[in-house]
Protein backbone atom coordinates (compact mmCIF):
# COMPACT_ATOMS: atom_id res chain seq x y z
CA MET A 1 4.53 -15.01 1.98
CA GLU A 2 4.33 -15.40 -1.75
CA ILE A 3 7.10 -13.81 -3.66
CA ILE A 4 6.37 -12.82 -7.33
CA VAL A 5 9.41 -11.46 -9.25
CA THR A 6 8.72 -9.66 -12.36
CA LYS A 7 11.21 -8.16 -15.08
CA ASP A 8 10.21 -4.59 -14.61
CA TYR A 9 7.78 -1.97 -13.09
CA GLU A 10 5.34 -2.46 -15.95
CA GLU A 11 5.03 -6.21 -15.34
CA MET A 12 4.92 -5.60 -11.52
CA SER A 13 1.93 -3.39 -12.21
CA ASP A 14 0.25 -5.84 -14.45
CA LYS A 15 0.50 -8.65 -11.90
CA ALA A 16 -0.92 -6.34 -9.17
CA ALA A 17 -3.73 -5.35 -11.42
CA GLU A 18 -4.64 -8.97 -12.27
CA ILE A 19 -5.05 -9.80 -8.59
CA VAL A 20 -7.07 -6.76 -7.65
CA ILE A 21 -9.22 -6.97 -10.77
CA ALA A 22 -9.94 -10.61 -10.31
CA ALA A 23 -10.97 -9.87 -6.56
CA ILE A 24 -13.30 -7.00 -7.63
CA LYS A 25 -15.06 -9.17 -10.09
CA ALA A 26 -15.47 -12.02 -7.59
CA SER A 27 -16.63 -9.77 -4.90
CA PRO A 28 -18.19 -6.48 -6.17
CA GLU A 29 -18.54 -5.12 -2.55
CA LEU A 30 -14.84 -5.52 -1.89
CA VAL A 31 -13.25 -3.31 0.70
CA LEU A 32 -10.02 -2.21 -0.71
CA GLY A 33 -7.02 -0.77 1.18
CA LEU A 34 -4.99 1.68 -0.93
CA ALA A 35 -1.48 3.35 -0.82
CA THR A 36 -0.03 6.41 -2.41
CA GLY A 37 3.30 7.21 -4.03
CA SER A 38 4.86 6.40 -7.28
CA THR A 39 4.83 2.66 -6.82
CA PRO A 40 1.07 1.85 -7.11
CA GLU A 41 0.62 4.40 -9.86
CA GLY A 42 0.87 1.78 -12.57
CA LEU A 43 -1.79 -0.26 -10.75
CA TYR A 44 -4.16 2.61 -10.65
CA GLU A 45 -3.69 3.33 -14.22
CA ARG A 46 -4.64 -0.31 -15.17
CA LEU A 47 -7.71 -0.16 -12.79
CA VAL A 48 -8.91 2.96 -14.66
CA THR A 49 -8.32 1.18 -17.95
CA ALA A 50 -10.28 -1.82 -16.75
CA HIS A 51 -13.22 0.50 -15.89
CA LYS A 52 -13.19 2.65 -19.07
CA GLU A 53 -12.53 -0.23 -21.56
CA ASP A 54 -14.00 -3.40 -19.89
CA GLY A 55 -16.58 -1.81 -17.70
CA LEU A 56 -15.06 -2.88 -14.34
CA ASP A 57 -17.63 -1.79 -11.68
CA PHE A 58 -16.45 -0.01 -8.59
CA SER A 59 -19.76 1.47 -7.51
CA HIS A 60 -20.41 -1.05 -4.74
CA MET A 61 -16.80 -0.98 -3.39
CA THR A 62 -15.44 0.81 -0.39
CA THR A 63 -11.87 2.11 0.01
CA PHE A 64 -9.55 3.07 2.94
CA ASN A 65 -6.24 4.86 2.42
CA LEU A 66 -3.22 4.03 4.66
CA ASP A 67 -2.33 7.58 5.54
CA GLU A 68 -2.29 11.31 5.01
CA TYR A 69 -0.14 14.35 6.10
CA VAL A 70 -1.20 16.31 8.94
CA GLY A 71 -1.85 19.96 7.92
CA LEU A 72 -2.75 19.21 4.25
CA GLY A 73 -6.45 19.63 3.17
CA PRO A 74 -7.91 17.60 0.21
CA ASP A 75 -7.29 20.45 -2.19
CA HIS A 76 -3.56 20.60 -1.37
CA GLU A 77 -1.73 19.16 -4.55
CA GLN A 78 0.45 17.05 -2.20
CA SER A 79 -2.20 15.67 -0.03
CA TYR A 80 -2.95 12.06 -0.39
CA ARG A 81 -6.53 12.69 -1.03
CA PHE A 82 -5.58 14.90 -3.94
CA PHE A 83 -3.38 11.99 -5.20
CA MET A 84 -6.21 9.42 -4.97
CA ASP A 85 -8.69 11.59 -6.70
CA THR A 86 -6.31 12.51 -9.45
CA HIS A 87 -4.99 8.97 -10.20
CA LEU A 88 -7.99 6.87 -9.46
CA PHE A 89 -11.32 8.19 -7.78
CA ASP A 90 -12.01 10.82 -10.39
CA HIS A 91 -11.77 8.19 -13.17
CA ILE A 92 -13.83 5.38 -12.01
CA ASN A 93 -17.47 4.93 -10.93
CA ILE A 94 -17.15 5.15 -7.20
CA SER A 95 -18.88 7.59 -4.88
CA LYS A 96 -16.50 9.71 -2.95
CA GLU A 97 -18.54 9.02 0.20
CA ARG A 98 -17.26 5.38 -0.15
CA THR A 99 -13.63 6.39 -0.39
CA HIS A 100 -11.87 7.10 2.83
CA VAL A 101 -8.68 9.03 3.29
CA PRO A 102 -7.52 10.11 6.78
CA ASP A 103 -8.29 13.75 7.47
CA GLY A 104 -5.10 15.70 7.66
CA LEU A 105 -7.11 18.72 8.95
CA ALA A 106 -8.86 16.84 11.95
CA ALA A 107 -9.21 19.10 14.81
CA ASP A 108 -8.23 16.32 17.21
CA PRO A 109 -5.91 13.96 15.24
CA VAL A 110 -5.69 11.57 18.20
CA GLN A 111 -9.48 11.11 18.42
CA TYR A 112 -9.87 11.03 14.72
CA CYS A 113 -7.52 8.00 14.52
CA LYS A 114 -9.79 6.12 16.84
CA LEU A 115 -12.75 7.11 14.48
CA TYR A 116 -10.89 5.82 11.53
CA GLU A 117 -10.26 2.51 13.15
CA GLU A 118 -14.03 2.39 13.81
CA MET A 119 -14.88 3.15 10.16
CA ILE A 120 -12.74 0.21 9.07
CA GLN A 121 -14.53 -2.18 11.50
CA ASP A 122 -17.98 -0.88 10.51
CA ALA A 123 -16.99 -1.93 6.92
CA ASP A 124 -16.19 -5.45 8.22
CA GLY A 125 -12.53 -4.95 7.72
CA ILE A 126 -10.18 -4.60 4.68
CA ASP A 127 -10.18 -7.41 2.07
CA ILE A 128 -7.01 -6.40 0.14
CA GLN A 129 -4.50 -3.96 1.46
CA VAL A 130 -2.13 -2.53 -1.24
CA LEU A 131 1.22 -1.63 0.24
CA GLY A 132 4.53 0.10 -0.73
CA ILE A 133 7.73 -0.12 1.23
CA GLY A 134 9.78 2.84 2.35
CA ARG A 135 13.57 3.10 1.91
CA ASP A 136 13.89 2.26 5.74
CA GLY A 137 11.39 -0.58 5.45
CA HIS A 138 8.30 1.20 6.84
CA LEU A 139 4.68 0.35 5.91
CA GLY A 140 2.38 3.32 5.70
CA PHE A 141 4.11 5.94 7.87
CA ASN A 142 5.00 3.36 10.62
CA GLU A 143 8.67 4.42 10.93
CA PRO A 144 11.46 2.28 12.52
CA GLY A 145 10.82 1.68 16.05
CA THR A 146 6.99 1.69 15.79
CA SER A 147 5.25 -1.01 17.88
CA LEU A 148 4.24 -3.96 15.66
CA SER A 149 0.87 -3.87 17.76
CA SER A 150 0.18 -0.24 16.87
CA ARG A 151 -3.20 0.97 15.58
CA THR A 152 -4.08 4.01 13.53
CA GLN A 153 -2.17 6.83 14.98
CA LEU A 154 -0.53 10.30 14.83
CA VAL A 155 3.14 9.86 14.00
CA ALA A 156 6.21 11.94 13.65
CA LEU A 157 7.98 11.35 10.30
CA ALA A 158 11.61 10.26 10.30
CA PRO A 159 14.16 12.54 8.60
CA GLU A 160 14.76 9.99 5.75
CA THR A 161 11.02 9.98 4.96
CA ILE A 162 10.95 13.64 5.01
CA GLU A 163 13.97 13.63 2.60
CA ASP A 164 12.33 11.01 0.27
CA ASN A 165 9.10 13.06 0.14
CA SER A 166 10.69 16.29 -0.51
CA ARG A 167 10.97 15.58 -4.26
CA PHE A 168 7.15 16.29 -4.34
CA PHE A 169 7.36 19.68 -2.80
CA ASP A 170 9.34 22.88 -3.70
CA SER A 171 11.51 22.47 -0.81
CA GLU A 172 12.17 19.96 2.11
CA ASP A 173 11.06 22.86 4.40
CA GLU A 174 7.57 22.36 3.05
CA VAL A 175 7.32 18.65 3.89
CA PRO A 176 4.93 18.12 6.80
CA HIS A 177 6.66 16.52 9.85
CA PHE A 178 3.61 14.67 11.08
CA ALA A 179 1.12 12.15 9.55
CA LEU A 180 -1.86 9.98 10.35
CA THR A 181 -1.35 6.46 9.51
CA MET A 182 -2.83 3.08 9.93
CA GLY A 183 -0.82 1.19 12.51
CA VAL A 184 1.04 -2.05 11.82
CA GLN A 185 -1.61 -4.19 13.61
CA SER A 186 -4.31 -2.46 11.65
CA ILE A 187 -2.46 -3.29 8.40
CA LEU A 188 -1.97 -7.03 9.41
CA GLU A 189 -5.75 -7.31 10.03
CA ALA A 190 -6.44 -7.03 6.27
CA ARG A 191 -7.46 -10.46 4.79
CA LYS A 192 -4.89 -10.07 2.14
CA CYS A 193 -1.79 -7.87 1.94
CA LEU A 194 -0.32 -6.95 -1.48
CA LEU A 195 3.08 -5.48 -1.09
CA LEU A 196 4.70 -3.79 -4.31
CA ALA A 197 8.38 -2.79 -4.74
CA SER A 198 10.21 -1.42 -7.68
CA GLY A 199 13.82 -0.33 -8.23
CA GLU A 200 17.18 -0.88 -6.57
CA GLY A 201 16.53 1.73 -4.00
CA LYS A 202 14.12 -0.58 -2.37
CA ALA A 203 16.24 -3.56 -2.50
CA GLU A 204 17.81 -3.52 0.97
CA ALA A 205 14.51 -2.77 2.67
CA LEU A 206 12.85 -5.48 0.69
CA LYS A 207 15.52 -8.03 1.78
CA GLY A 208 14.77 -7.04 5.42
CA CYS A 209 11.08 -7.45 4.89
CA VAL A 210 11.37 -10.88 3.39
CA GLU A 211 14.29 -12.52 4.82
CA GLY A 212 15.34 -10.58 7.90
CA PRO A 213 14.20 -10.92 11.39
CA ILE A 214 10.74 -9.60 12.44
CA THR A 215 11.48 -6.39 14.11
CA SER A 216 9.85 -2.96 14.91
CA MET A 217 13.00 -1.40 13.39
CA LEU A 218 11.69 -2.60 9.99
CA THR A 219 8.05 -2.55 10.26
CA ALA A 220 7.38 -4.25 6.89
CA SER A 221 9.00 -7.39 8.28
CA ALA A 222 5.74 -7.87 10.27
CA LEU A 223 4.26 -9.13 7.02
CA GLN A 224 6.14 -12.41 7.42
CA VAL A 225 3.45 -13.53 9.92
CA HIS A 226 0.51 -12.51 7.74
CA PRO A 227 -1.51 -15.63 6.59
CA ASP A 228 -1.94 -14.25 2.95
CA ALA A 229 0.84 -11.82 2.01
CA ILE A 230 1.72 -11.41 -1.65
CA VAL A 231 4.99 -9.49 -2.49
CA ILE A 232 5.43 -8.36 -6.16
CA VAL A 233 8.73 -6.97 -7.10
CA ASP A 234 10.71 -6.20 -10.15
CA GLU A 235 14.20 -7.68 -10.61
CA ALA A 236 16.00 -4.51 -9.34
CA ALA A 237 14.08 -4.57 -6.05
CA ALA A 238 14.60 -8.28 -5.81
CA SER A 239 18.38 -8.06 -6.51
CA ARG A 240 19.63 -8.50 -2.86
CA LEU A 241 17.42 -11.43 -1.93
CA GLU A 242 19.67 -14.21 -0.82
CA ARG A 243 16.98 -16.97 -1.88
CA LEU A 244 15.99 -15.18 -5.09
CA ASP A 245 16.51 -18.39 -7.24
CA TYR A 246 14.32 -20.29 -4.86
CA TYR A 247 11.51 -17.71 -5.07
CA LYS A 248 11.63 -17.91 -8.77
CA TRP A 249 11.42 -21.59 -8.79
CA VAL A 250 8.42 -21.73 -6.44
CA GLN A 251 6.78 -19.04 -8.71
CA GLN A 252 7.27 -21.21 -11.69
CA ALA A 253 5.87 -24.40 -9.93
CA ARG A 254 2.71 -22.24 -8.88
CA GLU A 255 2.18 -21.11 -12.56
CA GLN A 256 2.63 -24.79 -13.76
CA ILE A 257 0.14 -26.07 -11.22
CA ALA A 258 -2.42 -23.25 -12.20
CA GLY A 259 -1.94 -24.13 -15.83
CA THR A 260 -3.03 -27.70 -15.21
CA HIS A 261 -6.40 -26.59 -13.71
């Protein structure tokens, strides 16, 4: 697990964008896994800028999103499909047919989850999966207690998640209580995982993810066994890491080595 500590949210977004943009340029048919929420917004802003100002081409790419609320259609302002269209897809040259967000209105959610897994496999898997981390350490909507071998599934949201997400709705009562999400094992099968975290509110969860035991009670901790996981965090989110100085030293060493080539 590579830890990159940045001074603030803007630098975190810059570093993430550098990695994703370089990967797209190297492999125009990249399969990119995406996340929603405030954390990756800066990354998406930079991808849009790279397309509009530098001609970054998304036309041959395929995307898969982590999750979606059950009961919300694509036109609902709080659906994750609406979020992705608004923040990224509507501003780049990618066909909507090549963008995949779980269907919150699927008539048979359980069967649909199996179909979503098949769609990912048919695309030959995900090359880079962008991730955020929940306040309780969840990945996607894989709440504490979710099996680390889980696949895309229908889940009930934890009260903490409902409370966290209520800021996007008029009231907490409007927040859906169920979601469709890639499972932990589905996420781990991505060739590269890129976890972003910003703010002191994520510090405790991040500490568990990076330095705690691997446990289903903090599903992000499963990233410790991923062969190519990069964690990009700002100083606030990194503030509780016990080996913070070591991670910064390793980061400096990597940059020095890169500078000599």
